[in-house]
Every structure is written in structure tokens, then in C-alpha cells.
Amino acid sequence: MAPTSYNKQNAEDDARGIRAFSRRQLDRVISPSTRQNLYAATLDFAQERPLFFAFLLFQLLFSFLPLVTFAVFALSLATLALGAAIVFSLFWIGIALLVLVPTLFLTSSIGLLVWVWAAGSFVVAKRLWALASHSPADHGYDGAFMKGTNEKIGANGNKEAGEKNGEKSSAVVVKEEEED
């Protein structure tokens, strides 16, 4: 089936559009004045040294395809390696998370238990210290008399005989002699 004039016209318009787009992109990379200077320098080189220019041109023509193929291969391999490294890393990070989460739960639980034990011990020790550091009256003494006895605690902390609840005691005063 031969192309119709409508299809041929569309193909020409598409080709013009692609050419214009390519030229705009090339102009963005290399300005037209710089590109014109490069063309002029290449033409001068080709006229001054035609054999060397032909050698370079053939080398470029025959080496271009392998160079492009190698560049595409290297970029593809680097992309594949990067993707594989990312997938490999994500896999092992996931495995490590499967170990880390229960470990953190266990260590947090142990830390909480130790803290509760330490806080409870502190509260108990604080109350025991408070009980131990108060005056003798706070520890079972009825006023100045010991409960259940007729012994009186003097100002110096020695036991003395005395009265308790109106009763007189026949106990002798107990005083400890201080050594000189």
C-alpha cells in the first residue's frame, strides 16, 4: 500500500518538528556562535591536513558504535548494580529489623523493671530513713517515758527513774559515766 499524500505530509511535518526540537536542544547545550566556530575550525583542519582528518574521521566512524555500546553497557551495569545494592540492602535491613524490634522490646521491658525496682527501693529506703532519723518519741516512746516501763529518757538520752501516768517508780536513776 503506497503512502497517501496526507500521510506523506504528516511524516514531513513530524520530521520538521523533530529537527526543530533537536536544534533547540543543541542550541541550549552549545550556542549557535560556538557551534559555527567549531564547524569553521573543523573545515580549516580538514583542508590543511586532509589525510590526518580522514584518519580521525574513519576512526571515529568505526569506533563510535563500540564506544556507544560500551557506554550503554557500563551505565546499564552501574544502574543494575545500584538497584541490586539497594534491594540487597533493603532485604538485610528488613531482616535486621526483625531482630531489632523484639530486642528493643526485651531491653525496654528489662529497663522498665529495673527502674521500677530502683524507684521502689528508693521509696522504701526513704521511708526507712525517715523512721530511723526521727526523735525517740516517734519510735514507741510515750512522751518522755518508754511505753510499758517507768523509765524516763532524760535530755542527755540516759534512762532515769520517774513517774508514768501519775505512778511513782522506785527504779534507781541510771546514768552512764562519761570518761574524761
C-alpha atoms as a PDB file:
ATOM      1  CA  MET A   1       0.000   0.000   0.000  1.00  0.00           C
ATOM      2  CA  ALA A   2       1.512   3.298  -1.104  1.00  0.00           C
ATOM      3  CA  PRO A   3       1.501   6.192   1.337  1.00  0.00           C
ATOM      4  CA  THR A   4      -1.145   8.763   0.645  1.00  0.00           C
ATOM      5  CA  SER A   5      -0.350  12.444   0.323  1.00  0.00           C
ATOM      6  CA  TYR A   6      -1.941  13.013   3.708  1.00  0.00           C
ATOM      7  CA  ASN A   7       0.393  10.515   5.394  1.00  0.00           C
ATOM      8  CA  LYS A   8       3.395  11.843   3.495  1.00  0.00           C
ATOM      9  CA  GLN A   9       2.588  15.377   4.598  1.00  0.00           C
ATOM     10  CA  ASN A  10       2.245  14.261   8.227  1.00  0.00           C
ATOM     11  CA  ALA A  11       5.600  12.462   8.079  1.00  0.00           C
ATOM     12  CA  GLU A  12       7.303  15.577   6.704  1.00  0.00           C
ATOM     13  CA  ASP A  13       5.731  17.726   9.410  1.00  0.00           C
ATOM     14  CA  ASP A  14       6.856  15.255  12.072  1.00  0.00           C
ATOM     15  CA  ALA A  15      10.392  15.248  10.675  1.00  0.00           C
ATOM     16  CA  ARG A  16      10.488  19.062  10.669  1.00  0.00           C
ATOM     17  CA  GLY A  17       9.218  19.110  14.241  1.00  0.00           C
ATOM     18  CA  ILE A  18      11.857  16.621  15.372  1.00  0.00           C
ATOM     19  CA  ARG A  19      14.582  18.577  13.568  1.00  0.00           C
ATOM     20  CA  ALA A  20      13.459  21.853  15.153  1.00  0.00           C
ATOM     21  CA  PHE A  21      13.287  20.242  18.586  1.00  0.00           C
ATOM     22  CA  SER A  22      16.779  18.758  18.151  1.00  0.00           C
ATOM     23  CA  ARG A  23      18.192  22.103  17.052  1.00  0.00           C
ATOM     24  CA  ARG A  24      16.632  23.867  20.064  1.00  0.00           C
ATOM     25  CA  GLN A  25      18.108  21.296  22.422  1.00  0.00           C
ATOM     26  CA  LEU A  26      21.508  21.561  20.742  1.00  0.00           C
ATOM     27  CA  ASP A  27      21.324  25.355  20.981  1.00  0.00           C
ATOM     28  CA  ARG A  28      20.704  25.010  24.716  1.00  0.00           C
ATOM     29  CA  VAL A  29      23.874  22.911  25.108  1.00  0.00           C
ATOM     30  CA  ILE A  30      26.156  24.661  22.592  1.00  0.00           C
ATOM     31  CA  SER A  31      25.320  28.168  21.469  1.00  0.00           C
ATOM     32  CA  PRO A  32      24.981  28.691  17.682  1.00  0.00           C
ATOM     33  CA  SER A  33      28.014  31.015  17.551  1.00  0.00           C
ATOM     34  CA  THR A  34      30.228  28.481  19.343  1.00  0.00           C
ATOM     35  CA  ARG A  35      28.939  25.717  17.095  1.00  0.00           C
ATOM     36  CA  GLN A  36      29.670  27.841  13.988  1.00  0.00           C
ATOM     37  CA  ASN A  37      33.239  28.460  15.209  1.00  0.00           C
ATOM     38  CA  LEU A  38      33.662  24.689  15.747  1.00  0.00           C
ATOM     39  CA  TYR A  39      32.432  23.942  12.208  1.00  0.00           C
ATOM     40  CA  ALA A  40      34.833  26.532  10.776  1.00  0.00           C
ATOM     41  CA  ALA A  41      37.790  25.134  12.764  1.00  0.00           C
ATOM     42  CA  THR A  42      36.941  21.584  11.626  1.00  0.00           C
ATOM     43  CA  LEU A  43      36.724  22.683   7.985  1.00  0.00           C
ATOM     44  CA  ASP A  44      40.077  24.513   8.245  1.00  0.00           C
ATOM     45  CA  PHE A  45      41.686  21.413   9.818  1.00  0.00           C
ATOM     46  CA  ALA A  46      40.233  19.177   7.060  1.00  0.00           C
ATOM     47  CA  GLN A  47      41.647  21.479   4.345  1.00  0.00           C
ATOM     48  CA  GLU A  48      45.071  21.869   5.964  1.00  0.00           C
ATOM     49  CA  ARG A  49      45.611  18.152   6.853  1.00  0.00           C
ATOM     50  CA  PRO A  50      43.249  16.044   4.780  1.00  0.00           C
ATOM     51  CA  LEU A  51      44.938  12.656   5.436  1.00  0.00           C
ATOM     52  CA  PHE A  52      45.054  13.104   9.208  1.00  0.00           C
ATOM     53  CA  PHE A  53      41.464  14.404   9.200  1.00  0.00           C
ATOM     54  CA  ALA A  54      40.335  11.361   7.161  1.00  0.00           C
ATOM     55  CA  PHE A  55      42.168   9.042   9.588  1.00  0.00           C
ATOM     56  CA  LEU A  56      40.437  10.639  12.599  1.00  0.00           C
ATOM     57  CA  LEU A  57      37.079  10.606  10.819  1.00  0.00           C
ATOM     58  CA  PHE A  58      37.309   6.886   9.987  1.00  0.00           C
ATOM     59  CA  GLN A  59      38.490   6.058  13.481  1.00  0.00           C
ATOM     60  CA  LEU A  60      35.537   7.949  14.905  1.00  0.00           C
ATOM     61  CA  LEU A  61      33.066   6.349  12.487  1.00  0.00           C
ATOM     62  CA  PHE A  62      34.229   2.783  13.132  1.00  0.00           C
ATOM     63  CA  SER A  63      34.808   3.242  16.863  1.00  0.00           C
ATOM     64  CA  PHE A  64      31.605   5.146  17.551  1.00  0.00           C
ATOM     65  CA  LEU A  65      29.330   2.094  17.691  1.00  0.00           C
ATOM     66  CA  PRO A  66      31.565   0.060  20.061  1.00  0.00           C
ATOM     67  CA  LEU A  67      32.130   3.135  22.240  1.00  0.00           C
ATOM     68  CA  VAL A  68      28.402   3.849  22.468  1.00  0.00           C
ATOM     69  CA  THR A  69      27.685   0.162  23.104  1.00  0.00           C
ATOM     70  CA  PHE A  70      30.285   0.066  25.885  1.00  0.00           C
ATOM     71  CA  ALA A  71      28.944   3.287  27.430  1.00  0.00           C
ATOM     72  CA  VAL A  72      25.385   1.920  27.386  1.00  0.00           C
ATOM     73  CA  PHE A  73      26.621  -1.373  28.874  1.00  0.00           C
ATOM     74  CA  ALA A  74      28.568   0.421  31.627  1.00  0.00           C
ATOM     75  CA  LEU A  75      25.627   2.670  32.502  1.00  0.00           C
ATOM     76  CA  SER A  76      23.211  -0.276  32.464  1.00  0.00           C
ATOM     77  CA  LEU A  77      25.516  -2.349  34.643  1.00  0.00           C
ATOM     78  CA  ALA A  78      26.003   0.532  37.078  1.00  0.00           C
ATOM     79  CA  THR A  79      22.236   1.034  37.228  1.00  0.00           C
ATOM     80  CA  LEU A  80      21.672  -2.688  37.728  1.00  0.00           C
ATOM     81  CA  ALA A  81      24.364  -2.840  40.418  1.00  0.00           C
ATOM     82  CA  LEU A  82      22.916   0.190  42.164  1.00  0.00           C
ATOM     83  CA  GLY A  83      19.429  -1.316  42.009  1.00  0.00           C
ATOM     84  CA  ALA A  84      20.710  -4.679  43.237  1.00  0.00           C
ATOM     85  CA  ALA A  85      22.636  -2.974  46.034  1.00  0.00           C
ATOM     86  CA  ILE A  86      19.525  -1.099  47.095  1.00  0.00           C
ATOM     87  CA  VAL A  87      17.386  -4.256  47.017  1.00  0.00           C
ATOM     88  CA  PHE A  88      20.108  -6.243  48.820  1.00  0.00           C
ATOM     89  CA  SER A  89      20.451  -3.520  51.450  1.00  0.00           C
ATOM     90  CA  LEU A  90      16.698  -3.237  51.952  1.00  0.00           C
ATOM     91  CA  PHE A  91      16.419  -7.018  52.346  1.00  0.00           C
ATOM     92  CA  TRP A  92      19.088  -7.188  55.056  1.00  0.00           C
ATOM     93  CA  ILE A  93      17.780  -4.061  56.749  1.00  0.00           C
ATOM     94  CA  GLY A  94      14.394  -5.805  56.927  1.00  0.00           C
ATOM     95  CA  ILE A  95      15.997  -8.923  58.417  1.00  0.00           C
ATOM     96  CA  ALA A  96      17.867  -6.751  60.930  1.00  0.00           C
ATOM     97  CA  LEU A  97      14.605  -5.026  61.872  1.00  0.00           C
ATOM     98  CA  LEU A  98      13.075  -8.437  62.574  1.00  0.00           C
ATOM     99  CA  VAL A  99      15.832  -8.916  65.156  1.00  0.00           C
ATOM    100  CA  LEU A 100      15.945  -5.312  66.396  1.00  0.00           C
ATOM    101  CA  VAL A 101      12.263  -4.852  67.264  1.00  0.00           C
ATOM    102  CA  PRO A 102      11.983  -7.823  69.675  1.00  0.00           C
ATOM    103  CA  THR A 103      15.384  -6.955  71.136  1.00  0.00           C
ATOM    104  CA  LEU A 104      14.256  -3.388  71.802  1.00  0.00           C
ATOM    105  CA  PHE A 105      11.033  -4.694  73.355  1.00  0.00           C
ATOM    106  CA  LEU A 106      13.009  -7.010  75.636  1.00  0.00           C
ATOM    107  CA  THR A 107      15.579  -4.390  76.647  1.00  0.00           C
ATOM    108  CA  SER A 108      12.875  -1.774  77.207  1.00  0.00           C
ATOM    109  CA  SER A 109      10.980  -4.211  79.421  1.00  0.00           C
ATOM    110  CA  ILE A 110      14.117  -5.006  81.412  1.00  0.00           C
ATOM    111  CA  GLY A 111      14.883  -1.294  81.706  1.00  0.00           C
ATOM    112  CA  LEU A 112      11.356  -0.621  82.955  1.00  0.00           C
ATOM    113  CA  LEU A 113      11.580  -3.435  85.517  1.00  0.00           C
ATOM    114  CA  VAL A 114      14.951  -2.198  86.786  1.00  0.00           C
ATOM    115  CA  TRP A 115      13.589   1.344  87.021  1.00  0.00           C
ATOM    116  CA  VAL A 116      10.504   0.171  88.959  1.00  0.00           C
ATOM    117  CA  TRP A 117      12.767  -1.846  91.281  1.00  0.00           C
ATOM    118  CA  ALA A 118      15.110   1.134  91.798  1.00  0.00           C
ATOM    119  CA  ALA A 119      12.246   3.595  92.339  1.00  0.00           C
ATOM    120  CA  GLY A 120      10.523   1.206  94.766  1.00  0.00           C
ATOM    121  CA  SER A 121      13.782   0.626  96.630  1.00  0.00           C
ATOM    122  CA  PHE A 122      14.318   4.369  96.825  1.00  0.00           C
ATOM    123  CA  VAL A 123      10.835   4.962  98.246  1.00  0.00           C
ATOM    124  CA  VAL A 124      11.239   2.162 100.815  1.00  0.00           C
ATOM    125  CA  ALA A 125      14.733   3.353 101.795  1.00  0.00           C
ATOM    126  CA  LYS A 126      13.489   6.935 102.093  1.00  0.00           C
ATOM    127  CA  ARG A 127      10.682   5.864 104.436  1.00  0.00           C
ATOM    128  CA  LEU A 128      13.037   3.692 106.499  1.00  0.00           C
ATOM    129  CA  TRP A 129      15.494   6.575 106.731  1.00  0.00           C
ATOM    130  CA  ALA A 130      12.714   8.904 107.815  1.00  0.00           C
ATOM    131  CA  LEU A 131      11.675   6.433 110.512  1.00  0.00           C
ATOM    132  CA  ALA A 132      15.249   5.995 111.714  1.00  0.00           C
ATOM    133  CA  SER A 133      16.103   9.678 111.839  1.00  0.00           C
ATOM    134  CA  HIS A 134      13.111  10.943 113.911  1.00  0.00           C
ATOM    135  CA  SER A 135      13.173  11.602 117.671  1.00  0.00           C
ATOM    136  CA  PRO A 136      12.784   8.665 120.116  1.00  0.00           C
ATOM    137  CA  ALA A 137       9.186   9.745 120.820  1.00  0.00           C
ATOM    138  CA  ASP A 138       8.333   8.816 117.238  1.00  0.00           C
ATOM    139  CA  HIS A 139       9.595   5.264 117.802  1.00  0.00           C
ATOM    140  CA  GLY A 140       7.364   3.939 120.540  1.00  0.00           C
ATOM    141  CA  TYR A 141       8.006   6.346 123.424  1.00  0.00           C
ATOM    142  CA  ASP A 142       5.057   7.827 125.250  1.00  0.00           C
ATOM    143  CA  GLY A 143       6.118  11.397 125.849  1.00  0.00           C
ATOM    144  CA  ALA A 144       9.318  11.154 127.861  1.00  0.00           C
ATOM    145  CA  PHE A 145       8.560   7.647 129.156  1.00  0.00           C
ATOM    146  CA  MET A 146       9.137   4.414 127.302  1.00  0.00           C
ATOM    147  CA  LYS A 147       5.892   2.582 126.695  1.00  0.00           C
ATOM    148  CA  GLY A 148       5.278  -0.115 129.256  1.00  0.00           C
ATOM    149  CA  THR A 149       8.094   0.961 131.613  1.00  0.00           C
ATOM    150  CA  ASN A 150       8.687   3.522 134.285  1.00  0.00           C
ATOM    151  CA  GLU A 151      11.983   4.610 132.794  1.00  0.00           C
ATOM    152  CA  LYS A 152      12.237   8.198 131.682  1.00  0.00           C
ATOM    153  CA  ILE A 153      14.573   9.338 128.947  1.00  0.00           C
ATOM    154  CA  GLY A 154      16.499  12.370 130.064  1.00  0.00           C
ATOM    155  CA  ALA A 155      17.635  15.287 127.961  1.00  0.00           C
ATOM    156  CA  ASN A 156      21.032  13.675 127.566  1.00  0.00           C
ATOM    157  CA  GLY A 157      19.463  10.414 126.312  1.00  0.00           C
ATOM    158  CA  ASN A 158      20.102   8.414 129.500  1.00  0.00           C
ATOM    159  CA  LYS A 159      17.362   6.406 131.189  1.00  0.00           C
ATOM    160  CA  GLU A 160      16.089   7.778 134.513  1.00  0.00           C
ATOM    161  CA  ALA A 161      13.520   6.614 137.003  1.00  0.00           C
ATOM    162  CA  GLY A 162      10.397   8.718 137.014  1.00  0.00           C
ATOM    163  CA  GLU A 163       6.653   8.864 137.024  1.00  0.00           C
ATOM    164  CA  LYS A 164       4.397   7.470 134.413  1.00  0.00           C
ATOM    165  CA  ASN A 165       0.688   8.172 134.388  1.00  0.00           C
ATOM    166  CA  GLY A 166       0.822   9.506 137.930  1.00  0.00           C
ATOM    167  CA  GLU A 167       2.597   6.436 139.337  1.00  0.00           C
ATOM    168  CA  LYS A 168       5.883   6.804 141.129  1.00  0.00           C
ATOM    169  CA  SER A 169       8.668   4.470 140.234  1.00  0.00           C
ATOM    170  CA  SER A 170      11.088   3.005 142.689  1.00  0.00           C
ATOM    171  CA  ALA A 171      13.694   2.494 139.992  1.00  0.00           C
ATOM    172  CA  VAL A 172      17.083   3.976 140.501  1.00  0.00           C
ATOM    173  CA  VAL A 173      18.371   6.601 138.116  1.00  0.00           C
ATOM    174  CA  VAL A 174      20.638   5.001 135.564  1.00  0.00           C
ATOM    175  CA  LYS A 175      23.354   7.296 134.397  1.00  0.00           C
ATOM    176  CA  GLU A 176      26.257   6.405 132.266  1.00  0.00           C
ATOM    177  CA  GLU A 177      29.517   7.897 133.349  1.00  0.00           C
ATOM    178  CA  GLU A 178      31.386   9.762 130.689  1.00  0.00           C
ATOM    179  CA  GLU A 179      35.076   9.097 130.542  1.00  0.00           C
ATOM    180  CA  ASP A 180      37.429  12.032 130.770  1.00  0.00           C
END
